[in-house]
Amino acid sequence: MSNRELVVELVSKLAENTPLEDIAREVAVLAVEKNASEAELVSPAWHEQILKEREARIRSGQEKFIDWEDAKKELRALSE
């Protein structure tokens, strides 16, 4: 099921006044199913290489992680 189909189905359930507990249970089941199918996907070799390069930059100190809230502030400042 695509994300769009999932959204359409959930919106229709909300429109039908389906109890939120039922919707939440269905979303949880769909998420587990989707994660299981995504686990079967194979990442391309070029992606693995990029991840290794990024990890090396982090380990060497060339790159660093920042707090998500700080990152949002920096991004907002760039757009002003």
C-alpha atoms as a PDB file:
ATOM      1  CA  MET A   1       0.000   0.000   0.000  1.00  0.00           C
ATOM      2  CA  SER A   2       1.447   3.378  -0.958  1.00  0.00           C
ATOM      3  CA  ASN A   3       1.633   6.265   1.487  1.00  0.00           C
ATOM      4  CA  ARG A   4      -1.045   8.095  -0.504  1.00  0.00           C
ATOM      5  CA  GLU A   5      -3.402   5.100  -0.322  1.00  0.00           C
ATOM      6  CA  LEU A   6      -2.754   4.836   3.409  1.00  0.00           C
ATOM      7  CA  VAL A   7      -3.611   8.498   3.963  1.00  0.00           C
ATOM      8  CA  VAL A   8      -6.789   8.197   1.895  1.00  0.00           C
ATOM      9  CA  GLU A   9      -7.864   5.139   3.864  1.00  0.00           C
ATOM     10  CA  LEU A  10      -7.166   6.764   7.239  1.00  0.00           C
ATOM     11  CA  VAL A  11      -8.980   9.970   6.274  1.00  0.00           C
ATOM     12  CA  SER A  12     -11.997   7.959   5.168  1.00  0.00           C
ATOM     13  CA  LYS A  13     -11.993   6.129   8.502  1.00  0.00           C
ATOM     14  CA  LEU A  14     -11.889   9.459  10.329  1.00  0.00           C
ATOM     15  CA  ALA A  15     -14.787  10.676   8.195  1.00  0.00           C
ATOM     16  CA  GLU A  16     -16.727   7.539   9.171  1.00  0.00           C
ATOM     17  CA  ASN A  17     -16.110   8.355  12.853  1.00  0.00           C
ATOM     18  CA  THR A  18     -14.118   5.163  13.343  1.00  0.00           C
ATOM     19  CA  PRO A  19     -12.833   5.085  16.938  1.00  0.00           C
ATOM     20  CA  LEU A  20      -9.297   6.444  17.209  1.00  0.00           C
ATOM     21  CA  GLU A  21      -8.178   3.292  19.017  1.00  0.00           C
ATOM     22  CA  ASP A  22      -9.123   1.223  15.945  1.00  0.00           C
ATOM     23  CA  ILE A  23      -7.306   3.615  13.630  1.00  0.00           C
ATOM     24  CA  ALA A  24      -4.212   3.628  15.847  1.00  0.00           C
ATOM     25  CA  ARG A  25      -4.179  -0.173  15.921  1.00  0.00           C
ATOM     26  CA  GLU A  26      -4.449  -0.326  12.129  1.00  0.00           C
ATOM     27  CA  VAL A  27      -1.663   2.237  11.692  1.00  0.00           C
ATOM     28  CA  ALA A  28       0.573   0.196  13.996  1.00  0.00           C
ATOM     29  CA  VAL A  29      -0.073  -2.997  12.022  1.00  0.00           C
ATOM     30  CA  LEU A  30       0.576  -1.227   8.707  1.00  0.00           C
ATOM     31  CA  ALA A  31       3.800   0.280  10.067  1.00  0.00           C
ATOM     32  CA  VAL A  32       5.062  -3.147  11.118  1.00  0.00           C
ATOM     33  CA  GLU A  33       4.151  -4.596   7.718  1.00  0.00           C
ATOM     34  CA  LYS A  34       5.844  -1.711   5.902  1.00  0.00           C
ATOM     35  CA  ASN A  35       9.008  -2.009   8.026  1.00  0.00           C
ATOM     36  CA  ALA A  36       9.130  -5.737   7.312  1.00  0.00           C
ATOM     37  CA  SER A  37       8.877  -5.175   3.562  1.00  0.00           C
ATOM     38  CA  GLU A  38      11.468  -2.375   3.676  1.00  0.00           C
ATOM     39  CA  ALA A  39      13.877  -4.693   5.490  1.00  0.00           C
ATOM     40  CA  GLU A  40      13.882  -6.852   2.367  1.00  0.00           C
ATOM     41  CA  LEU A  41      15.164  -3.959   0.245  1.00  0.00           C
ATOM     42  CA  VAL A  42      18.821  -3.964  -0.680  1.00  0.00           C
ATOM     43  CA  SER A  43      20.706  -0.692  -0.529  1.00  0.00           C
ATOM     44  CA  PRO A  44      22.844   0.043  -3.594  1.00  0.00           C
ATOM     45  CA  ALA A  45      26.638  -0.123  -3.259  1.00  0.00           C
ATOM     46  CA  TRP A  46      27.080   3.610  -3.925  1.00  0.00           C
ATOM     47  CA  HIS A  47      24.907   4.377  -0.896  1.00  0.00           C
ATOM     48  CA  GLU A  48      27.056   2.218   1.347  1.00  0.00           C
ATOM     49  CA  GLN A  49      30.137   4.094   0.121  1.00  0.00           C
ATOM     50  CA  ILE A  50      28.556   7.479   0.924  1.00  0.00           C
ATOM     51  CA  LEU A  51      27.650   6.284   4.422  1.00  0.00           C
ATOM     52  CA  LYS A  52      31.210   5.084   5.007  1.00  0.00           C
ATOM     53  CA  GLU A  53      32.593   8.437   3.845  1.00  0.00           C
ATOM     54  CA  ARG A  54      30.251  10.316   6.165  1.00  0.00           C
ATOM     55  CA  GLU A  55      31.152   8.066   9.082  1.00  0.00           C
ATOM     56  CA  ALA A  56      34.856   8.672   8.411  1.00  0.00           C
ATOM     57  CA  ARG A  57      34.309  12.466   8.407  1.00  0.00           C
ATOM     58  CA  ILE A  58      32.440  12.229  11.721  1.00  0.00           C
ATOM     59  CA  ARG A  59      35.162  10.076  13.306  1.00  0.00           C
ATOM     60  CA  SER A  60      37.904  12.455  12.102  1.00  0.00           C
ATOM     61  CA  GLY A  61      36.081  15.495  13.466  1.00  0.00           C
ATOM     62  CA  GLN A  62      35.467  17.069  10.043  1.00  0.00           C
ATOM     63  CA  GLU A  63      31.725  16.692  10.596  1.00  0.00           C
ATOM     64  CA  LYS A  64      29.633  16.760  13.751  1.00  0.00           C
ATOM     65  CA  PHE A  65      26.089  16.284  14.882  1.00  0.00           C
ATOM     66  CA  ILE A  66      24.087  19.191  16.227  1.00  0.00           C
ATOM     67  CA  ASP A  67      20.892  19.320  18.230  1.00  0.00           C
ATOM     68  CA  TRP A  68      17.771  19.203  16.043  1.00  0.00           C
ATOM     69  CA  GLU A  69      16.368  22.388  17.591  1.00  0.00           C
ATOM     70  CA  ASP A  70      19.639  24.211  16.851  1.00  0.00           C
ATOM     71  CA  ALA A  71      19.591  22.903  13.280  1.00  0.00           C
ATOM     72  CA  LYS A  72      16.059  24.228  12.776  1.00  0.00           C
ATOM     73  CA  LYS A  73      17.102  27.641  14.102  1.00  0.00           C
ATOM     74  CA  GLU A  74      20.063  27.740  11.704  1.00  0.00           C
ATOM     75  CA  LEU A  75      17.867  26.759   8.750  1.00  0.00           C
ATOM     76  CA  ARG A  76      15.278  29.402   9.639  1.00  0.00           C
ATOM     77  CA  ALA A  77      18.015  32.052   9.907  1.00  0.00           C
ATOM     78  CA  LEU A  78      19.227  31.129   6.398  1.00  0.00           C
ATOM     79  CA  SER A  79      15.759  31.703   4.956  1.00  0.00           C
ATOM     80  CA  GLU A  80      15.343  35.181   6.491  1.00  0.00           C
END
